[in-house]
Amino acid sequence: MIRHFSLSDLNAILKIERESFPKSPYDRMTFIHLHSLYPEHFFVYTGTTSGKEDRIWGYIIFSPEGHIISLAVLPGQRKKGVGKQLLRRAMEVPHLKGLQAEVRRSNLGARAFYLRMGFRIVGAVSNYYGNEDALIIQWTPSVPKSH
């Protein structure tokens, strides 16, 4: 299930963040700040494992202009459609003109994921991650053709 983030989700989000981005994880205050800026654009995916209560498996945060600030899924829940469902939820936001994100050049898994989801590489930023370039990826909704 996908729902809006609440502050009670913070510890679970921090765990996902540390496991997903060990080189540069966002901290508690960053997530609190992002939630205050974009409460309508911060979603979590919850799932149940072995009959236990719902747990957070992933999240996405993006600006109203469509900049994906972060998308992450617990390593044990990857390749199960969680990231795809979170990204699709963002793609369905009304009036969104598109989505854009930065991805480490070396992150072949993330690059392949975004390309499968209809994104394309539109540029690069030298040393975006300090010692590594970022690729700028972008998705634009297809415009319905008029008859």
Protein backbone atom coordinates (compact mmCIF):
# COMPACT_ATOMS: atom_id res chain seq x y z
CA MET A 1 0.00 0.00 0.00
CA ILE A 2 1.19 3.51 -0.74
CA ARG A 3 0.33 6.35 1.62
CA HIS A 4 1.66 9.73 2.67
CA PHE A 5 4.66 9.83 5.00
CA SER A 6 4.06 10.73 8.64
CA LEU A 7 6.67 11.63 11.25
CA SER A 8 6.08 8.28 12.99
CA ASP A 9 7.66 6.68 9.88
CA LEU A 10 10.95 8.50 10.40
CA ASN A 11 13.00 5.71 12.03
CA ALA A 12 12.03 3.24 9.30
CA ILE A 13 12.90 5.78 6.61
CA LEU A 14 16.30 6.45 8.21
CA LYS A 15 17.05 2.70 8.18
CA ILE A 16 16.18 2.44 4.48
CA GLU A 17 18.25 5.55 3.78
CA ARG A 18 21.37 4.25 5.56
CA GLU A 19 21.13 0.86 3.82
CA SER A 20 20.44 2.38 0.40
CA PHE A 21 22.89 5.29 0.43
CA PRO A 22 25.76 4.36 2.77
CA LYS A 23 28.08 6.94 1.17
CA SER A 24 25.80 9.92 1.73
CA PRO A 25 22.57 9.22 3.68
CA TYR A 26 20.22 12.03 4.57
CA ASP A 27 19.86 12.60 8.32
CA ARG A 28 16.78 12.93 10.55
CA MET A 29 16.59 16.74 10.24
CA THR A 30 16.80 16.58 6.45
CA PHE A 31 13.76 14.30 6.30
CA ILE A 32 11.83 16.47 8.75
CA HIS A 33 12.66 19.51 6.62
CA LEU A 34 11.69 17.73 3.37
CA HIS A 35 8.40 16.64 4.95
CA SER A 36 7.66 20.24 5.96
CA LEU A 37 8.40 21.42 2.41
CA TYR A 38 6.67 18.64 0.44
CA PRO A 39 4.08 16.85 2.63
CA GLU A 40 1.90 16.05 -0.39
CA HIS A 41 4.86 14.64 -2.35
CA PHE A 42 6.40 12.30 0.24
CA PHE A 43 5.05 8.75 -0.04
CA VAL A 44 5.88 5.47 1.68
CA TYR A 45 5.20 1.93 0.55
CA THR A 46 4.13 -0.47 3.27
CA GLY A 47 4.09 -4.24 3.06
CA THR A 48 3.59 -7.22 5.33
CA THR A 49 6.22 -9.91 5.88
CA SER A 50 5.29 -13.28 7.37
CA GLY A 51 2.01 -12.00 8.82
CA LYS A 52 3.70 -9.23 10.81
CA GLU A 53 2.26 -5.73 10.95
CA ASP A 54 2.83 -3.41 8.00
CA ARG A 55 6.41 -2.29 7.61
CA ILE A 56 7.83 0.44 5.40
CA TRP A 57 9.63 -1.07 2.44
CA GLY A 58 10.38 2.11 0.49
CA TYR A 59 9.73 5.79 -0.03
CA ILE A 60 9.81 8.58 -2.60
CA ILE A 61 10.12 12.34 -2.10
CA PHE A 62 9.76 14.80 -4.96
CA SER A 63 9.13 18.49 -5.37
CA PRO A 64 5.90 19.89 -6.88
CA GLU A 65 8.02 20.76 -9.93
CA GLY A 66 8.89 17.07 -10.37
CA HIS A 67 12.44 16.85 -9.02
CA ILE A 68 12.89 13.45 -7.38
CA ILE A 69 14.84 14.19 -4.23
CA SER A 70 15.07 10.58 -3.11
CA LEU A 71 13.66 7.17 -3.94
CA ALA A 72 14.81 4.13 -1.97
CA VAL A 73 13.69 0.58 -1.21
CA LEU A 74 14.92 -1.74 1.54
CA PRO A 75 17.55 -4.02 0.02
CA GLY A 76 15.57 -7.15 0.99
CA GLN A 77 12.46 -5.85 -0.81
CA ARG A 78 14.07 -4.80 -4.10
CA LYS A 79 13.07 -6.30 -7.44
CA LYS A 80 9.53 -6.86 -6.15
CA GLY A 81 7.88 -3.84 -7.78
CA VAL A 82 8.08 -1.50 -4.77
CA GLY A 83 10.16 1.16 -6.51
CA LYS A 84 8.07 0.84 -9.66
CA GLN A 85 4.84 1.41 -7.71
CA LEU A 86 6.28 4.41 -5.86
CA LEU A 87 7.53 5.96 -9.09
CA ARG A 88 4.21 5.29 -10.82
CA ARG A 89 2.44 7.03 -7.93
CA ALA A 90 4.61 10.10 -8.53
CA MET A 91 3.95 9.91 -12.28
CA GLU A 92 0.19 10.00 -11.59
CA VAL A 93 0.24 13.31 -9.72
CA PRO A 94 -2.10 15.67 -11.57
CA HIS A 95 -0.58 18.67 -13.35
CA LEU A 96 2.95 17.27 -13.08
CA LYS A 97 4.86 18.27 -16.20
CA GLY A 98 7.44 15.53 -15.70
CA LEU A 99 9.99 14.06 -13.33
CA GLN A 100 13.73 14.53 -13.14
CA ALA A 101 16.48 13.08 -10.94
CA GLU A 102 20.21 12.69 -10.61
CA VAL A 103 21.76 9.22 -10.56
CA ARG A 104 25.36 8.24 -9.88
CA ARG A 105 27.06 7.35 -13.16
CA SER A 106 28.24 4.10 -11.52
CA ASN A 107 24.76 3.09 -10.29
CA LEU A 108 23.91 0.76 -13.15
CA GLY A 109 20.94 -0.76 -11.31
CA ALA A 110 19.24 2.61 -10.77
CA ARG A 111 20.01 3.69 -14.33
CA ALA A 112 18.45 0.51 -15.76
CA PHE A 113 15.41 0.90 -13.47
CA TYR A 114 14.71 4.47 -14.57
CA LEU A 115 15.23 3.64 -18.25
CA ARG A 116 12.73 0.76 -17.93
CA MET A 117 10.28 3.23 -16.39
CA GLY A 118 10.46 5.50 -19.44
CA PHE A 119 13.10 7.99 -18.31
CA ARG A 120 15.90 9.09 -20.58
CA ILE A 121 19.35 10.48 -19.87
CA VAL A 122 19.35 14.18 -20.75
CA GLY A 123 22.65 15.38 -19.31
CA ALA A 124 25.38 15.03 -16.74
CA VAL A 125 26.81 17.05 -13.85
CA SER A 126 30.54 16.71 -13.25
CA ASN A 127 31.52 15.77 -9.69
CA TYR A 128 27.93 16.08 -8.43
CA TYR A 129 28.67 13.48 -5.77
CA GLY A 130 32.07 14.94 -4.91
CA ASN A 131 34.24 12.48 -6.77
CA GLU A 132 31.62 11.09 -9.14
CA ASP A 133 29.46 12.49 -11.90
CA ALA A 134 25.67 12.38 -11.89
CA LEU A 135 23.55 11.61 -14.90
CA ILE A 136 20.41 13.72 -15.20
CA ILE A 137 17.43 11.57 -16.07
CA GLN A 138 14.03 12.83 -17.11
CA TRP A 139 10.52 11.54 -17.74
CA THR A 140 7.83 13.49 -19.53
CA PRO A 141 4.24 12.26 -19.68
CA SER A 142 3.04 11.44 -23.15
CA VAL A 143 0.58 14.00 -24.37
CA PRO A 144 -2.70 12.52 -25.57
CA LYS A 145 -3.18 13.15 -29.26
CA SER A 146 -6.26 15.10 -30.26
CA HIS A 147 -8.54 13.52 -32.84
